[in-house]
Amino acid sequence: METGGGDLLYDFTSSDGVRHTVWRVAGTAPFRNAFTLAPRCYIADGHHRCAAAARVGAERAAANPAHSGEEEYNWFLAVLFPASQVRVMAYNRLVRDLGGMSRERFLEEVRWRFMVRETDQRVPNAPGAIMMYVDRKWYELTWAPDVHASRADALDAGVLQTRLLGPVLGISDPRKSPRLDFVGGIQGTETLVGRVDSGQAEIAFSMHAVSIEDIMAVSDEGGIMPPKSTWFEPKLRCGLLVHTF
């Protein structure tokens, strides 16, 4: 698409190997028109930031008797990617402790809730399986699907939370628990193994990435994805552009 004679502002490769090019768009009409061709947009990352910006904008509008809709608080920065150009990676889990249980007791609880087999495999081949690393061994966890579960709860991250993290380990709120860490799939499983073997965590869970189709389907049904269930690439460099108001 033509940029309307805009100038190249930035062109650099960040420390993670991602190249960023930023252009100033002089003629915005083609871009505005292109948005009308998209039937819908999904917030893939930054839900809380979007909600916070919307609340602040509404509060400032209510406090401004001369509100016109053109003020800076009516807008916030966003970036759009075609679904076909977004890569969803796994968002893996690390649990710091067993909540007072021995490893033997914990494995008994796992076997009661899942079909378990020891394996050398570190990454699930498909949804419906989770790889668990504990005591220097990898295990594959599988289960019979719950036909009554919502689409979000049926995702692997939802199953792990409702069957194991919550009822067995007492991690009822994965968003806030200091006992639970999340590791983006881009870091691979070596990070998981290193953290467990060094004593920084007791257990690691290697997840299969959810699909773009699952994310859209959960949203279309009015559902909410399990916390920290998606790691998206590419990512823009944080702070490269800032909208102030």
Protein backbone atom coordinates (compact mmCIF):
# COMPACT_ATOMS: atom_id res chain seq x y z
CA MET A 1 0.00 0.00 0.00
CA GLU A 2 1.26 3.48 -0.81
CA THR A 3 2.38 5.52 2.19
CA GLY A 4 1.43 8.78 0.56
CA GLY A 5 4.98 10.03 0.21
CA GLY A 6 5.83 9.52 3.87
CA ASP A 7 9.36 9.52 5.26
CA LEU A 8 11.20 6.59 6.84
CA LEU A 9 11.67 7.53 10.50
CA TYR A 10 13.34 4.45 11.97
CA ASP A 11 14.93 1.30 10.59
CA PHE A 12 16.77 -0.92 13.08
CA THR A 13 17.08 -4.48 14.34
CA SER A 14 16.46 -4.91 18.06
CA SER A 15 18.37 -7.21 20.40
CA ASP A 16 15.88 -10.04 19.83
CA GLY A 17 16.63 -10.05 16.10
CA VAL A 18 13.40 -8.37 14.99
CA ARG A 19 13.71 -5.63 12.39
CA HIS A 20 11.55 -2.53 12.93
CA THR A 21 10.80 0.06 10.25
CA VAL A 22 8.64 3.07 11.08
CA TRP A 23 7.23 5.36 8.39
CA ARG A 24 5.42 8.65 8.65
CA VAL A 25 2.22 8.34 6.62
CA ALA A 26 1.33 11.57 4.87
CA GLY A 27 -1.81 10.35 3.10
CA THR A 28 -3.92 8.37 5.57
CA ALA A 29 -7.05 7.89 3.41
CA PRO A 30 -5.96 4.53 1.89
CA PHE A 31 -5.27 3.15 5.36
CA ARG A 32 -8.57 4.35 6.75
CA ASN A 33 -10.38 2.79 3.78
CA ALA A 34 -8.53 -0.49 4.25
CA PHE A 35 -9.90 -0.80 7.78
CA THR A 36 -13.43 -0.93 6.41
CA LEU A 37 -12.57 -4.20 4.63
CA ALA A 38 -11.84 -5.98 7.93
CA PRO A 39 -15.09 -7.47 9.32
CA ARG A 40 -13.77 -7.44 12.88
CA CYS A 41 -10.63 -6.95 14.94
CA TYR A 42 -9.53 -9.02 17.93
CA ILE A 43 -7.42 -7.77 20.83
CA ALA A 44 -4.71 -10.40 20.97
CA ASP A 45 -2.54 -8.70 23.60
CA GLY A 46 -2.96 -5.72 25.89
CA HIS A 47 -6.58 -6.20 26.97
CA HIS A 48 -6.06 -4.49 30.32
CA ARG A 49 -4.19 -1.57 28.77
CA CYS A 50 -6.96 -1.05 26.22
CA ALA A 51 -9.61 -1.18 28.95
CA ALA A 52 -7.66 1.25 31.12
CA ALA A 53 -7.18 3.71 28.24
CA ALA A 54 -10.90 3.52 27.42
CA ARG A 55 -11.85 4.21 31.05
CA VAL A 56 -9.50 7.18 31.29
CA GLY A 57 -10.87 8.58 28.03
CA ALA A 58 -14.46 8.22 29.27
CA GLU A 59 -13.62 9.91 32.57
CA ARG A 60 -11.92 12.83 30.86
CA ALA A 61 -14.80 13.19 28.42
CA ALA A 62 -17.29 13.29 31.29
CA ALA A 63 -15.22 15.94 33.08
CA ASN A 64 -14.88 18.14 29.97
CA PRO A 65 -17.97 20.35 29.33
CA ALA A 66 -16.57 21.22 25.90
CA HIS A 67 -15.93 17.61 24.85
CA SER A 68 -15.93 17.33 21.05
CA GLY A 69 -14.56 13.84 20.40
CA GLU A 70 -11.38 15.18 18.85
CA GLU A 71 -9.34 15.45 22.05
CA GLU A 72 -6.20 13.33 22.49
CA TYR A 73 -7.80 11.30 25.26
CA ASN A 74 -10.18 9.80 22.68
CA TRP A 75 -7.33 7.80 21.13
CA PHE A 76 -4.63 5.35 22.09
CA LEU A 77 -1.90 3.54 20.20
CA ALA A 78 -2.58 0.15 18.66
CA VAL A 79 -1.10 -2.05 15.96
CA LEU A 80 -3.01 -4.37 13.63
CA PHE A 81 -1.66 -7.60 12.14
CA PRO A 82 -3.44 -9.85 9.64
CA ALA A 83 -4.30 -13.14 11.34
CA SER A 84 -2.31 -14.93 8.64
CA GLN A 85 0.86 -13.07 9.70
CA VAL A 86 0.61 -13.64 13.44
CA ARG A 87 2.39 -16.55 15.07
CA VAL A 88 0.95 -17.85 18.32
CA MET A 89 3.45 -19.64 20.53
CA ALA A 90 2.99 -21.58 23.73
CA TYR A 91 2.97 -19.86 27.09
CA ASN A 92 4.64 -22.30 29.48
CA ARG A 93 4.35 -22.49 33.26
CA LEU A 94 6.75 -22.80 36.19
CA VAL A 95 5.55 -23.59 39.70
CA ARG A 96 7.88 -22.51 42.49
CA ASP A 97 6.81 -25.06 45.13
CA LEU A 98 4.48 -27.99 45.78
CA GLY A 99 2.56 -26.28 48.55
CA GLY A 100 4.02 -28.54 51.25
CA MET A 101 3.47 -31.84 49.38
CA SER A 102 6.22 -34.33 48.69
CA ARG A 103 7.04 -35.07 45.07
CA GLU A 104 5.69 -38.59 45.51
CA ARG A 105 2.35 -37.33 46.79
CA PHE A 106 2.18 -34.74 44.04
CA LEU A 107 2.75 -37.37 41.34
CA GLU A 108 0.01 -39.50 42.88
CA GLU A 109 -2.38 -36.55 42.58
CA VAL A 110 -1.34 -36.01 38.97
CA ARG A 111 -1.91 -39.66 38.10
CA TRP A 112 -5.35 -39.52 39.67
CA ARG A 113 -6.36 -36.65 37.37
CA PHE A 114 -4.46 -37.45 34.15
CA MET A 115 -3.14 -40.32 32.11
CA VAL A 116 0.60 -40.09 32.72
CA ARG A 117 3.56 -41.61 30.94
CA GLU A 118 7.27 -40.91 31.26
CA THR A 119 8.82 -39.56 28.07
CA ASP A 120 11.87 -37.85 26.58
CA GLN A 121 9.63 -35.51 24.60
CA ARG A 122 9.52 -31.92 25.78
CA VAL A 123 6.88 -30.28 23.57
CA PRO A 124 3.38 -31.70 22.88
CA ASN A 125 2.73 -32.69 19.29
CA ALA A 126 -0.86 -31.43 19.40
CA PRO A 127 -3.46 -29.95 21.75
CA GLY A 128 -4.80 -32.31 24.38
CA ALA A 129 -1.43 -33.05 25.95
CA ILE A 130 0.84 -31.24 28.42
CA MET A 131 4.48 -32.07 29.13
CA MET A 132 5.50 -31.85 32.79
CA TYR A 133 9.09 -31.66 34.06
CA VAL A 134 9.78 -32.59 37.68
CA ASP A 135 12.70 -34.24 39.47
CA ARG A 136 14.72 -34.25 36.23
CA LYS A 137 12.11 -36.30 34.37
CA TRP A 138 9.59 -35.43 31.66
CA TYR A 139 6.04 -36.76 31.75
CA GLU A 140 3.22 -36.52 29.23
CA LEU A 141 -0.20 -35.68 30.70
CA THR A 142 -3.31 -36.47 28.66
CA TRP A 143 -7.00 -36.59 29.53
CA ALA A 144 -10.45 -37.43 28.25
CA PRO A 145 -12.12 -34.22 27.01
CA ASP A 146 -15.00 -32.82 29.04
CA VAL A 147 -17.86 -32.44 26.57
CA HIS A 148 -19.60 -30.01 28.92
CA ALA A 149 -16.64 -27.61 29.27
CA SER A 150 -16.72 -24.22 27.59
CA ARG A 151 -14.38 -23.69 24.66
CA ALA A 152 -12.01 -21.67 26.86
CA ASP A 153 -12.01 -24.20 29.73
CA ALA A 154 -11.39 -27.03 27.24
CA LEU A 155 -8.12 -25.45 26.11
CA ASP A 156 -5.00 -27.04 27.58
CA ALA A 157 -4.26 -24.05 29.84
CA GLY A 158 -7.81 -24.19 31.18
CA VAL A 159 -7.56 -27.93 31.86
CA LEU A 160 -4.24 -27.54 33.67
CA GLN A 161 -5.68 -24.80 35.86
CA THR A 162 -8.99 -26.48 36.75
CA ARG A 163 -7.62 -30.01 37.21
CA LEU A 164 -4.22 -29.43 38.79
CA LEU A 165 -2.98 -25.93 39.57
CA GLY A 166 -6.13 -24.90 41.42
CA PRO A 167 -7.37 -28.01 43.28
CA VAL A 168 -4.00 -29.69 43.95
CA LEU A 169 -1.48 -26.86 44.28
CA GLY A 170 -3.84 -24.20 45.62
CA ILE A 171 -3.09 -21.68 42.86
CA SER A 172 -6.59 -20.28 42.52
CA ASP A 173 -5.68 -17.05 40.71
CA PRO A 174 -2.92 -17.64 38.15
CA ARG A 175 -2.84 -13.91 37.34
CA LYS A 176 -1.66 -12.93 40.81
CA SER A 177 -0.06 -15.98 42.41
CA PRO A 178 3.62 -15.40 43.31
CA ARG A 179 4.11 -19.17 43.13
CA LEU A 180 3.48 -19.27 39.38
CA ASP A 181 5.74 -17.95 36.63
CA PHE A 182 5.06 -17.83 32.90
CA VAL A 183 7.68 -18.35 30.20
CA GLY A 184 7.05 -17.42 26.58
CA GLY A 185 7.42 -20.28 24.16
CA ILE A 186 10.01 -18.33 22.21
CA GLN A 187 12.49 -19.17 25.00
CA GLY A 188 12.15 -22.90 24.36
CA THR A 189 12.21 -25.66 26.95
CA GLU A 190 15.84 -25.16 27.99
CA THR A 191 14.71 -22.28 30.18
CA LEU A 192 12.17 -24.54 31.88
CA VAL A 193 14.74 -27.27 32.54
CA GLY A 194 17.29 -24.76 33.79
CA ARG A 195 14.91 -23.14 36.24
CA VAL A 196 13.79 -26.48 37.70
CA ASP A 197 17.24 -28.07 37.85
CA SER A 198 18.68 -24.98 39.56
CA GLY A 199 16.01 -25.06 42.26
CA GLN A 200 14.28 -21.85 41.16
CA ALA A 201 11.12 -23.84 40.46
CA GLU A 202 9.77 -27.24 41.41
CA ILE A 203 7.75 -28.08 38.29
CA ALA A 204 7.59 -26.94 34.67
CA PHE A 205 4.74 -27.39 32.24
CA SER A 206 5.41 -27.27 28.51
CA MET A 207 2.23 -26.37 26.62
CA HIS A 208 1.08 -26.70 23.02
CA ALA A 209 0.30 -23.38 21.34
CA VAL A 210 -3.36 -22.55 20.85
CA SER A 211 -4.54 -21.70 17.35
CA ILE A 212 -5.69 -18.35 16.01
CA GLU A 213 -8.99 -20.06 15.22
CA ASP A 214 -9.45 -21.05 18.89
CA ILE A 215 -8.76 -17.50 20.03
CA MET A 216 -11.29 -16.05 17.60
CA ALA A 217 -13.87 -18.69 18.49
CA VAL A 218 -13.59 -18.02 22.23
CA SER A 219 -13.98 -14.29 21.56
CA ASP A 220 -16.95 -14.81 19.23
CA GLU A 221 -18.67 -16.83 21.97
CA GLY A 222 -18.15 -13.99 24.45
CA GLY A 223 -15.64 -16.03 26.42
CA ILE A 224 -12.28 -15.14 27.96
CA MET A 225 -9.07 -16.97 27.20
CA PRO A 226 -7.33 -18.65 30.16
CA PRO A 227 -4.76 -16.26 31.68
CA LYS A 228 -1.36 -16.29 29.99
CA SER A 229 -2.38 -18.86 27.39
CA THR A 230 -0.92 -17.14 24.29
CA TRP A 231 2.46 -15.74 23.37
CA PHE A 232 2.30 -13.67 20.19
CA GLU A 233 5.01 -12.92 17.70
CA PRO A 234 6.02 -10.56 16.18
CA LYS A 235 6.14 -7.96 18.96
CA LEU A 236 6.86 -4.29 18.55
CA ARG A 237 9.67 -2.80 20.58
CA CYS A 238 8.11 -1.57 23.82
CA GLY A 239 8.19 2.22 24.16
CA LEU A 240 9.23 2.84 20.56
CA LEU A 241 6.19 5.05 20.08
CA VAL A 242 4.30 6.79 22.91
CA HIS A 243 0.96 8.57 22.77
CA THR A 244 0.71 11.27 25.44
CA PHE A 245 -2.38 13.21 26.45
